Amino acid sequence: MKEYFLSVCRSDIPISSNIRSHYKKTDLRDAYSVLLPNSATDDPERLARHLHENPAPWFHTLLRIRDLLVAPLGIKTSRQFERDAKQQKRDHISFFLIFSCYRHEIVYGLDDVHLDFRASVLVVPPSADSPCRKLVAVTVVKCHNSLGRLYIRLIAPFHKLAVIGGLRQAAKIGWPAI
């Protein structure tokens, strides 16, 4: 894999992203992009599944620590979210519910007592600024209370590392083919 396909950049949320309409006001909003090779699929659901099936090597340890810390606060663990999705027979990616699918974007996330979380994987076509397609991973969070705002302040640096690390790891392994 060429090094430039492993480079992850912070980016603006593209105007074409449907996730922009989910919340008027957010407590966290970010986007990171990585170039997609010509051989990679345009299917955002396949790309999102690949991303979540191949996280950074340390991600599951971090998630276990998160689950241990939040359970006593009444915040659902990742296992509880995944169990709920299966019981409700809802489409999901990892423990995130799928909210909407479009030709070039999938929006998924979770709602809990402290906050609502939405993420998307968007495929952006080549442009004058970039001759390659890009995968843009977007996150928006709306907090419901002070617990949610505290949680976001504490988790934001780890969120950033998880997204960047996940994009690099998924690119390193190689994106699903057309």
Protein backbone atom coordinates (compact mmCIF):
# COMPACT_ATOMS: atom_id res chain seq x y z
CA MET A 1 0.00 0.00 0.00
CA LYS A 2 1.43 3.37 -0.99
CA GLU A 3 2.13 5.68 1.95
CA TYR A 4 -0.22 8.45 0.72
CA PHE A 5 -3.18 6.07 1.01
CA LEU A 6 -2.39 5.67 4.73
CA SER A 7 -2.32 9.40 5.46
CA VAL A 8 -5.34 10.54 7.50
CA CYS A 9 -6.26 14.24 7.46
CA ARG A 10 -8.66 16.28 9.53
CA SER A 11 -11.24 17.74 7.19
CA ASP A 12 -14.38 19.81 7.06
CA ILE A 13 -17.66 17.96 6.99
CA PRO A 14 -18.50 17.85 3.28
CA ILE A 15 -21.53 19.87 2.16
CA SER A 16 -22.83 16.67 0.53
CA SER A 17 -22.95 14.82 3.86
CA ASN A 18 -26.46 13.92 5.04
CA ILE A 19 -25.24 13.83 8.64
CA ARG A 20 -25.19 17.65 8.66
CA SER A 21 -28.98 17.65 9.03
CA HIS A 22 -29.13 15.42 12.11
CA TYR A 23 -28.60 18.15 14.72
CA LYS A 24 -28.72 21.95 14.55
CA LYS A 25 -26.42 22.30 17.55
CA THR A 26 -23.75 19.76 18.46
CA ASP A 27 -21.33 19.24 21.31
CA LEU A 28 -18.78 17.44 19.15
CA ARG A 29 -18.40 17.59 15.38
CA ASP A 30 -15.42 16.32 13.44
CA ALA A 31 -14.36 14.69 10.20
CA TYR A 32 -11.25 12.80 9.06
CA SER A 33 -10.46 11.67 5.54
CA VAL A 34 -8.25 9.15 3.80
CA LEU A 35 -7.68 8.61 0.08
CA LEU A 36 -9.28 5.56 -1.50
CA PRO A 37 -7.37 3.61 -4.15
CA ASN A 38 -9.09 3.08 -7.52
CA SER A 39 -9.56 -0.60 -6.68
CA ALA A 40 -11.69 0.13 -3.57
CA THR A 41 -15.47 -0.13 -3.56
CA ASP A 42 -17.76 2.93 -3.51
CA ASP A 43 -20.22 1.12 -1.20
CA PRO A 44 -20.24 3.12 2.05
CA GLU A 45 -21.76 0.26 4.06
CA ARG A 46 -19.01 -2.16 3.01
CA LEU A 47 -16.39 0.48 3.78
CA ALA A 48 -17.93 1.23 7.21
CA ARG A 49 -18.10 -2.48 8.08
CA HIS A 50 -14.47 -2.92 7.02
CA LEU A 51 -13.49 0.06 9.15
CA HIS A 52 -15.22 -1.31 12.26
CA GLU A 53 -14.09 -4.91 11.69
CA ASN A 54 -10.44 -3.76 11.50
CA PRO A 55 -9.90 -1.17 14.23
CA ALA A 56 -6.52 -0.04 15.51
CA PRO A 57 -4.92 -2.93 17.45
CA TRP A 58 -5.40 -1.23 20.85
CA PHE A 59 -9.05 -0.19 20.25
CA HIS A 60 -10.76 -3.19 21.92
CA THR A 61 -8.70 -2.68 25.09
CA LEU A 62 -9.74 0.98 25.15
CA LEU A 63 -13.39 0.00 24.61
CA ARG A 64 -13.26 -2.51 27.50
CA ILE A 65 -11.87 0.18 29.80
CA ARG A 66 -14.61 2.58 28.65
CA ASP A 67 -17.30 -0.01 29.33
CA LEU A 68 -15.95 -0.71 32.84
CA LEU A 69 -15.90 3.00 33.69
CA VAL A 70 -19.33 3.96 32.31
CA ALA A 71 -21.45 1.00 33.45
CA PRO A 72 -21.69 2.24 37.08
CA LEU A 73 -22.90 5.63 35.76
CA GLY A 74 -25.90 4.09 33.99
CA ILE A 75 -24.37 4.55 30.54
CA LYS A 76 -24.82 1.52 28.30
CA THR A 77 -21.83 -0.63 27.44
CA SER A 78 -20.95 -1.64 23.89
CA ARG A 79 -22.23 -5.17 24.63
CA GLN A 80 -25.57 -3.79 25.83
CA PHE A 81 -25.94 -1.72 22.65
CA GLU A 82 -25.11 -4.71 20.45
CA ARG A 83 -27.52 -6.94 22.37
CA ASP A 84 -30.27 -4.32 22.05
CA ALA A 85 -29.71 -4.04 18.29
CA LYS A 86 -29.94 -7.82 17.86
CA GLN A 87 -33.06 -8.08 20.04
CA GLN A 88 -34.74 -5.30 18.07
CA LYS A 89 -33.63 -7.01 14.84
CA ARG A 90 -32.16 -3.70 13.66
CA ASP A 91 -29.42 -3.43 11.07
CA HIS A 92 -26.19 -2.51 12.78
CA ILE A 93 -22.46 -2.12 12.29
CA SER A 94 -20.59 -3.44 15.30
CA PHE A 95 -22.75 -2.07 18.14
CA PHE A 96 -23.99 0.97 16.20
CA LEU A 97 -27.51 1.10 14.72
CA ILE A 98 -27.81 2.01 11.05
CA PHE A 99 -30.07 5.06 10.66
CA SER A 100 -29.87 5.70 6.92
CA CYS A 101 -28.11 4.57 3.76
CA TYR A 102 -27.50 6.64 0.66
CA ARG A 103 -25.56 5.93 -2.52
CA HIS A 104 -22.34 7.48 -1.18
CA GLU A 105 -22.96 7.63 2.58
CA ILE A 106 -24.14 5.55 5.52
CA VAL A 107 -25.23 7.15 8.81
CA TYR A 108 -25.14 5.08 11.99
CA GLY A 109 -24.87 5.64 15.73
CA LEU A 110 -26.45 5.34 19.16
CA ASP A 111 -28.86 7.16 21.43
CA ASP A 112 -28.49 6.99 25.20
CA VAL A 113 -29.64 8.95 28.24
CA HIS A 114 -26.55 11.19 28.23
CA LEU A 115 -26.07 11.83 24.49
CA ASP A 116 -26.93 10.93 20.90
CA PHE A 117 -24.03 9.90 18.64
CA ARG A 118 -24.04 9.82 14.85
CA ALA A 119 -21.23 8.77 12.56
CA SER A 120 -21.07 8.47 8.84
CA VAL A 121 -18.82 7.07 6.19
CA LEU A 122 -19.02 9.15 3.04
CA VAL A 123 -17.30 8.51 -0.29
CA VAL A 124 -16.34 11.79 -1.95
CA PRO A 125 -15.58 11.69 -5.69
CA PRO A 126 -12.38 13.13 -7.20
CA SER A 127 -12.27 16.90 -7.56
CA ALA A 128 -9.94 19.68 -8.68
CA ASP A 129 -8.45 19.64 -5.16
CA SER A 130 -8.02 15.87 -5.01
CA PRO A 131 -7.61 13.57 -8.02
CA CYS A 132 -8.53 10.54 -5.87
CA ARG A 133 -11.76 9.56 -4.15
CA LYS A 134 -11.81 10.10 -0.39
CA LEU A 135 -13.45 8.26 2.44
CA VAL A 136 -14.59 10.81 5.02
CA ALA A 137 -15.46 9.57 8.52
CA VAL A 138 -17.76 12.12 10.17
CA THR A 139 -18.92 12.25 13.79
CA VAL A 140 -21.54 14.47 15.41
CA VAL A 141 -22.67 14.29 19.04
CA LYS A 142 -25.57 15.99 20.80
CA CYS A 143 -25.43 15.90 24.61
CA HIS A 144 -28.60 15.77 26.71
CA ASN A 145 -27.21 16.69 30.11
CA SER A 146 -24.11 17.51 32.15
CA LEU A 147 -23.11 13.82 32.26
CA GLY A 148 -23.06 13.81 28.45
CA ARG A 149 -20.98 16.99 28.28
CA LEU A 150 -18.50 15.62 30.85
CA TYR A 151 -18.34 12.30 29.00
CA ILE A 152 -17.58 14.04 25.68
CA ARG A 153 -14.84 16.19 27.24
CA LEU A 154 -13.18 13.09 28.66
CA ILE A 155 -13.62 10.86 25.62
CA ALA A 156 -12.87 13.37 22.80
CA PRO A 157 -9.08 12.82 22.70
CA PHE A 158 -9.57 9.03 22.63
CA HIS A 159 -12.29 9.38 19.98
CA LYS A 160 -9.87 11.27 17.75
CA LEU A 161 -7.15 8.63 18.21
CA ALA A 162 -9.65 5.81 17.56
CA VAL A 163 -10.93 7.35 14.32
CA ILE A 164 -7.48 8.18 12.98
CA GLY A 165 -6.05 4.82 14.09
CA GLY A 166 -9.03 2.95 12.65
CA LEU A 167 -8.77 4.69 9.27
CA ARG A 168 -5.03 3.96 9.08
CA GLN A 169 -5.50 0.32 10.08
CA ALA A 170 -8.34 -0.27 7.61
CA ALA A 171 -6.30 1.36 4.82
CA LYS A 172 -3.22 -0.65 5.75
CA ILE A 173 -5.15 -3.92 5.54
CA GLY A 174 -6.68 -2.78 2.24
CA TRP A 175 -10.18 -1.56 1.47
CA PRO A 176 -12.79 -3.96 0.05
CA ALA A 177 -12.54 -4.19 -3.73
CA ILE A 178 -15.07 -3.04 -6.30
